[in-house]
């Protein structure tokens, strides 16, 4: 929309924080999207989430999983793991790149606003909007300002002759809806099998006596019955996803 002048002013650039665990179709989409824009797209990373999960650490090397898996605690109660993936692998590298682009060195402060950050949260996800914690940056939510829902965005794409964009989310993200899990299962088998592999390797991480799972049913991913009434009726879990930054 910005490239077509429907949101102003024209951005100086866009930033995509790559966790290293997106499905192939998202990277293909980004390759295509970059060719449609008159401004640059910066790809940034803060480690590799997939590799860090396998090592049982976060991006700074601390020994626990950065993803909030569904889990059974040692006493048998249900819970969630510690939530770090959005902050460590999305927010931090995006913020670091913005500081670099406006010329702020490490530790340097600025009193005036240097950045207006547009975040693509739609009107049906308003609860995910947050103010900036930095004096030098202001968050703006253009889709919400125009009261555009997710369906409105898809209709805009179709009306302009653009293909429908894929969902940006790690292949093993524990906040997938039933529709998302079925799409992963029925899509490229290497991605589905890798999600199963991740689900297996997290089972005893961290070593707290509990068990962790990628799926909300808290059973092994390969054993989930996606044809059950419960799965068919499961709502979209996107609105409880971390910080609303995965599709920036």
Foldseek 3Di string as FASTA:
>chain_A
DLQVVPDDDRDQEAEAQDQQFWDPQQVVVVVVVQVSHPHYYHYWWQDHLLVCLLVCAASVRHRHRQAFFWKQALVRHTDTDHHHCCVRRPVVRVVVVVCVVQVHDVPRADQAADEEAEAADALVLVVLDDADPHNNYGYDHVRNVVNHHPVNVQVVCVVVPHDGRDDQDGLLHLQAALVSLVCSVPPPVVSNVSSLVSQVSQQCTPVRNMGGGSYNVPDRSVPDDCPDPCRVPTDRSVSVDDRSRRVD
